[in-house]
Protein backbone atom coordinates (compact mmCIF):
# COMPACT_ATOMS: atom_id res chain seq x y z
CA MET A 1 100.57 100.23 119.69
CA THR A 2 103.68 98.57 118.19
CA ASP A 3 105.32 98.74 114.77
CA PRO A 4 103.54 96.06 112.63
CA ASN A 5 106.65 95.29 110.72
CA PRO A 6 110.01 96.65 112.04
CA ARG A 7 112.03 94.72 109.39
CA ARG A 8 110.08 96.47 106.67
CA ARG A 9 110.80 99.90 108.29
CA LEU A 10 114.52 98.99 108.68
CA THR A 11 114.71 97.98 105.04
CA GLY A 12 113.16 101.31 104.10
CA VAL A 13 115.77 103.29 106.23
CA LEU A 14 118.60 101.42 104.69
CA LEU A 15 117.39 101.86 101.13
CA LEU A 16 116.88 105.52 101.64
CA THR A 17 120.35 105.92 103.29
CA SER A 18 121.89 104.09 100.36
CA LEU A 19 120.17 106.19 97.73
CA VAL A 20 121.02 109.55 99.42
CA ALA A 21 124.66 108.56 99.89
CA MET A 22 124.96 107.39 96.21
CA ILE A 23 123.30 110.54 94.89
CA ALA A 24 125.67 112.68 96.98
CA ALA A 25 128.61 110.63 95.52
CA THR A 26 127.47 111.06 92.01
CA ALA A 27 126.88 114.79 92.54
CA ILE A 28 130.57 115.02 93.47
CA VAL A 29 131.94 112.78 90.73
CA VAL A 30 130.21 114.04 87.63
CA PRO A 31 130.98 117.74 87.79
CA SER A 32 134.54 117.17 89.14
CA GLY A 33 135.69 114.83 86.42
CA LEU A 34 136.40 112.12 88.86
CA THR A 35 134.69 109.31 86.94
CA LEU A 36 138.25 107.79 86.33
CA SER A 37 137.87 106.23 82.94
CA PRO A 38 140.27 103.33 82.02
CA SER A 39 140.42 104.81 78.59
CA ASP A 40 142.79 107.50 79.82
CA PRO A 41 144.68 106.27 82.83
CA GLY A 42 146.96 109.31 82.93
CA ALA A 43 144.09 111.76 83.10
CA ALA A 44 142.50 109.60 85.81
CA MET A 45 145.64 109.74 88.01
CA ASP A 46 145.95 113.51 87.37
CA ALA A 47 142.37 114.04 88.52
CA VAL A 48 142.98 112.10 91.76
CA ARG A 49 146.30 113.94 92.44
CA GLU A 50 144.59 117.28 91.93
CA GLN A 51 141.49 116.50 93.94
CA VAL A 52 142.49 114.02 96.64
CA GLY A 53 140.23 115.37 99.28
CA LEU A 54 137.18 115.52 97.03
CA HIS A 55 137.98 111.98 95.79
CA LEU A 56 138.11 110.65 99.32
CA THR A 57 134.85 112.49 100.24
CA GLU A 58 133.10 110.89 97.30
CA LEU A 59 134.43 107.48 98.16
CA ALA A 60 133.15 107.84 101.77
CA PHE A 61 129.59 108.54 100.42
CA ASP A 62 129.88 105.74 98.02
CA VAL A 63 131.05 103.21 100.56
CA LEU A 64 128.15 104.27 102.90
CA GLY A 65 125.77 103.78 99.98
CA TRP A 66 126.90 100.27 99.02
CA LEU A 67 127.14 99.17 102.68
CA ALA A 68 123.53 100.32 103.24
CA LEU A 69 122.41 98.52 100.07
CA THR A 70 124.13 95.36 101.22
CA ALA A 71 122.46 95.56 104.64
CA ALA A 72 119.09 96.26 103.03
CA GLY A 73 119.41 93.26 100.80
CA LEU A 74 120.34 91.00 103.73
CA VAL A 75 117.39 92.21 105.78
CA MET A 76 115.11 91.63 102.85
CA ALA A 77 116.44 88.13 102.21
CA ALA A 78 116.15 87.07 105.80
CA ARG A 79 112.59 88.40 106.30
CA PRO A 80 110.12 85.59 106.76
CA ALA A 81 106.62 85.80 105.45
CA GLU A 82 104.71 86.83 108.66
CA SER A 83 101.24 86.18 107.41
CA PRO A 84 99.62 84.57 104.37
CA ASP A 85 99.10 88.08 103.03
CA GLU A 86 102.69 89.11 103.43
CA THR A 87 103.78 88.01 99.99
CA SER A 88 102.50 85.44 97.40
CA ARG A 89 106.10 84.86 96.18
CA PRO A 90 108.42 84.81 99.24
CA TYR A 91 111.13 82.98 97.27
CA LEU A 92 111.42 85.94 94.83
CA VAL A 93 111.68 88.40 97.78
CA THR A 94 114.51 86.32 99.19
CA LEU A 95 116.08 86.21 95.69
CA ALA A 96 115.77 89.95 95.31
CA GLY A 97 117.38 90.52 98.67
CA GLY A 98 120.25 88.20 97.98
CA LEU A 99 120.85 89.80 94.55
CA LEU A 100 120.77 93.34 96.30
CA ALA A 101 123.28 92.25 98.84
CA GLY A 102 125.58 90.89 96.07
CA ALA A 103 125.26 94.22 94.19
CA GLY A 104 126.37 96.01 97.44
CA LEU A 105 129.36 93.73 97.77
CA ALA A 106 130.40 94.34 94.19
CA GLY A 107 130.04 98.02 94.67
CA LEU A 108 132.35 97.83 97.77
CA LEU A 109 134.87 96.03 95.56
CA HIS A 110 134.72 98.91 93.08
CA ASP A 111 135.29 101.35 95.91
CA ALA A 112 138.27 99.35 97.11
CA GLY A 113 139.87 99.70 93.65
CA ASN A 114 139.24 103.42 93.55
CA LEU A 115 140.81 103.80 97.09
CA ALA A 116 143.84 101.89 95.83
CA LEU A 117 144.17 104.45 93.12
CA THR A 118 144.53 107.18 95.67
CA GLN A 119 147.71 105.50 96.89
CA LEU A 120 148.93 104.81 93.37
CA ALA A 121 148.47 108.43 92.37
CA ALA A 122 150.88 109.46 95.09
CA GLN A 123 153.64 107.35 93.40
CA PRO A 124 154.69 108.97 90.04
CA SER A 125 156.29 105.75 88.77
CA ALA A 126 153.42 103.48 89.98
CA THR A 127 152.56 100.44 87.84
CA GLY A 128 149.38 98.44 87.60
CA VAL A 129 147.14 101.54 87.33
CA LEU A 130 145.22 100.27 84.31
CA ALA A 131 144.52 96.91 85.87
CA VAL A 132 143.16 98.55 89.04
CA LEU A 133 141.05 100.94 86.93
CA LEU A 134 139.66 98.05 84.83
CA THR A 135 138.88 96.01 87.96
CA ALA A 136 137.05 98.83 89.56
CA LYS A 137 135.04 99.66 86.43
CA TRP A 138 133.97 96.06 85.80
CA ALA A 139 133.10 95.56 89.52
CA VAL A 140 130.71 98.46 89.35
CA ASN A 141 129.28 97.09 86.13
CA LEU A 142 128.73 93.72 87.99
CA ALA A 143 127.02 95.64 90.76
CA GLY A 144 124.73 97.29 88.23
CA LEU A 145 123.78 93.88 86.71
CA LEU A 146 123.02 92.35 90.10
CA TRP A 147 121.05 95.50 91.04
CA VAL A 148 118.92 95.22 87.84
CA ALA A 149 118.27 91.49 88.50
CA ALA A 150 117.27 92.38 92.05
CA THR A 151 114.85 95.12 90.79
CA ALA A 152 113.18 92.66 88.39
CA ALA A 153 112.83 89.89 91.10
CA GLY A 154 111.58 92.46 93.53
CA ALA A 155 109.04 93.88 91.10
CA ALA A 156 107.79 90.33 90.37
CA GLY A 157 107.73 89.03 93.99
CA ILE A 158 107.07 91.92 96.41
CA PRO A 159 103.31 92.82 96.99
CA MET A 160 102.75 96.22 95.38
CA PRO A 161 100.25 98.01 93.17
CA ALA A 162 100.29 97.05 89.50
CA TRP A 163 101.65 100.39 88.32
CA LEU A 164 104.59 100.15 90.63
CA ARG A 165 105.24 96.56 89.52
CA VAL A 166 105.20 97.65 85.80
CA THR A 167 107.35 100.69 86.62
CA GLY A 168 109.87 98.39 88.30
CA MET A 169 110.24 96.22 85.24
CA ILE A 170 110.60 99.24 82.97
CA ALA A 171 113.35 100.68 85.35
CA ALA A 172 114.98 97.22 85.24
CA LEU A 173 115.09 97.29 81.48
CA ILE A 174 116.60 100.88 81.33
CA GLY A 175 119.15 99.78 83.99
CA LEU A 176 120.08 96.71 81.83
CA ALA A 177 120.86 99.30 79.00
CA ALA A 178 123.34 100.91 81.35
CA VAL A 179 124.95 97.58 82.15
CA VAL A 180 125.28 96.65 78.47
CA LEU A 181 126.66 100.06 77.43
CA PRO A 182 130.32 99.35 78.22
CA TRP A 183 130.09 96.17 76.14
CA THR A 184 129.41 98.23 73.07
CA THR A 185 132.67 100.23 73.22
CA GLY A 186 135.05 97.41 72.12
CA THR A 187 138.58 97.45 73.32
CA GLY A 188 138.62 101.23 73.87
CA GLY A 189 136.32 101.18 76.84
CA PRO A 190 133.56 103.74 77.69
CA THR A 191 134.44 107.51 77.65
CA GLY A 192 133.63 109.87 80.30
CA THR A 193 130.53 110.95 78.40
CA LEU A 194 129.28 107.28 78.14
CA GLU A 195 129.92 106.75 81.88
CA GLN A 196 127.78 109.77 82.61
CA LEU A 197 125.06 108.37 80.38
CA GLY A 198 125.34 105.11 82.37
CA TYR A 199 124.69 107.02 85.53
CA ALA A 200 121.63 108.65 84.02
CA LEU A 201 120.28 105.26 82.86
CA HIS A 202 120.62 103.92 86.43
CA MET A 203 118.48 106.79 87.81
CA PRO A 204 115.04 105.06 87.15
CA VAL A 205 116.16 102.05 89.24
CA MET A 206 117.26 104.37 92.02
CA ILE A 207 113.96 106.29 91.85
CA TRP A 208 112.09 103.05 91.94
CA TYR A 209 113.86 101.95 95.08
CA GLY A 210 113.22 105.39 96.68
CA ILE A 211 109.51 104.87 96.06
CA LEU A 212 109.78 101.37 97.43
CA ALA A 213 111.49 102.71 100.54
CA TRP A 214 108.90 105.39 101.10
CA ARG A 215 106.26 102.75 100.93
CA TYR A 216 108.07 100.64 103.45
CA LEU A 217 108.38 103.65 105.86
CA ARG A 218 104.92 105.10 105.60
CA ARG A 219 102.31 104.40 108.35
CA PRO A 220 99.40 101.99 107.68
CA PRO A 221 96.64 103.79 105.83
CA ARG A 222 93.89 105.25 108.05
CA GLY A 223 91.29 102.61 109.03
CA GLN A 224 93.57 99.75 108.51
CA PRO A 225 93.96 97.26 111.41
CA SER A 226 97.29 97.49 113.11
CA VAL A 227 99.03 95.28 115.69
CA ARG A 228 98.25 96.06 119.38
CA ALA A 229 100.85 95.36 122.08
CA GLY A 230 100.45 91.87 123.39
CA SER A 231 98.37 90.68 120.47
CA ARG A 232 99.52 87.39 118.82
CA HIS A 233 98.38 87.96 115.18
CA PRO A 234 98.22 91.11 113.05
CA GLY A 235 94.95 92.38 111.52
CA ARG A 236 93.55 90.72 108.50
CA GLY A 237 93.96 93.90 106.41
CA LYS A 238 96.69 93.69 103.86
CA TRP A 239 99.48 96.13 104.35
CA GLN A 240 101.16 96.04 101.03
CA VAL A 241 104.64 97.36 100.36
């Protein structure tokens, strides 16, 4: 017996890796006060100086998370439809993968900005701190927007039960609220409390991808045809996401 869809399994592994790494990073950032808000650059620099090791540990998890998300998007975008039952909207699956990869790249730009802050924090008279903070924050906001768009495209195009499709659209709307949140704060920018609210609003999107990854990784239901070694075509049964 062979794996009926190794790319599907790889996508599931990458998505789960991404989610676990991002949750670990968030679990470090929120309680330690390392959200690094541009509304108070001095406090952000003090937080980095006092917790450099913790800051770098969080960044390592975050980089792993965004890298895995980028890879998952690329695998999803490159996956051809292997049978007429694979997907009825392959163009939306490709779009979702491309948007997911774009979100991962924007997230890596965000991490690059936060890594630069580590060096700036070591220089008491460093300039340009606010510009780096703003670039990092708006990069992660762009990542959130692309991730939300990928969620909507995936929910519309990937074969899945109706309840999961509806849940994906709802999660995308909640995630969109997190993306819009910084725009409501005017020139002052979001406070630490609002940033934590943004993290919470992104959680439904992350949970939805966790369910999607689990469905990618699970074995075919009992009694469903599977691919035998040496066979040219898979069974006619539909193995949905």
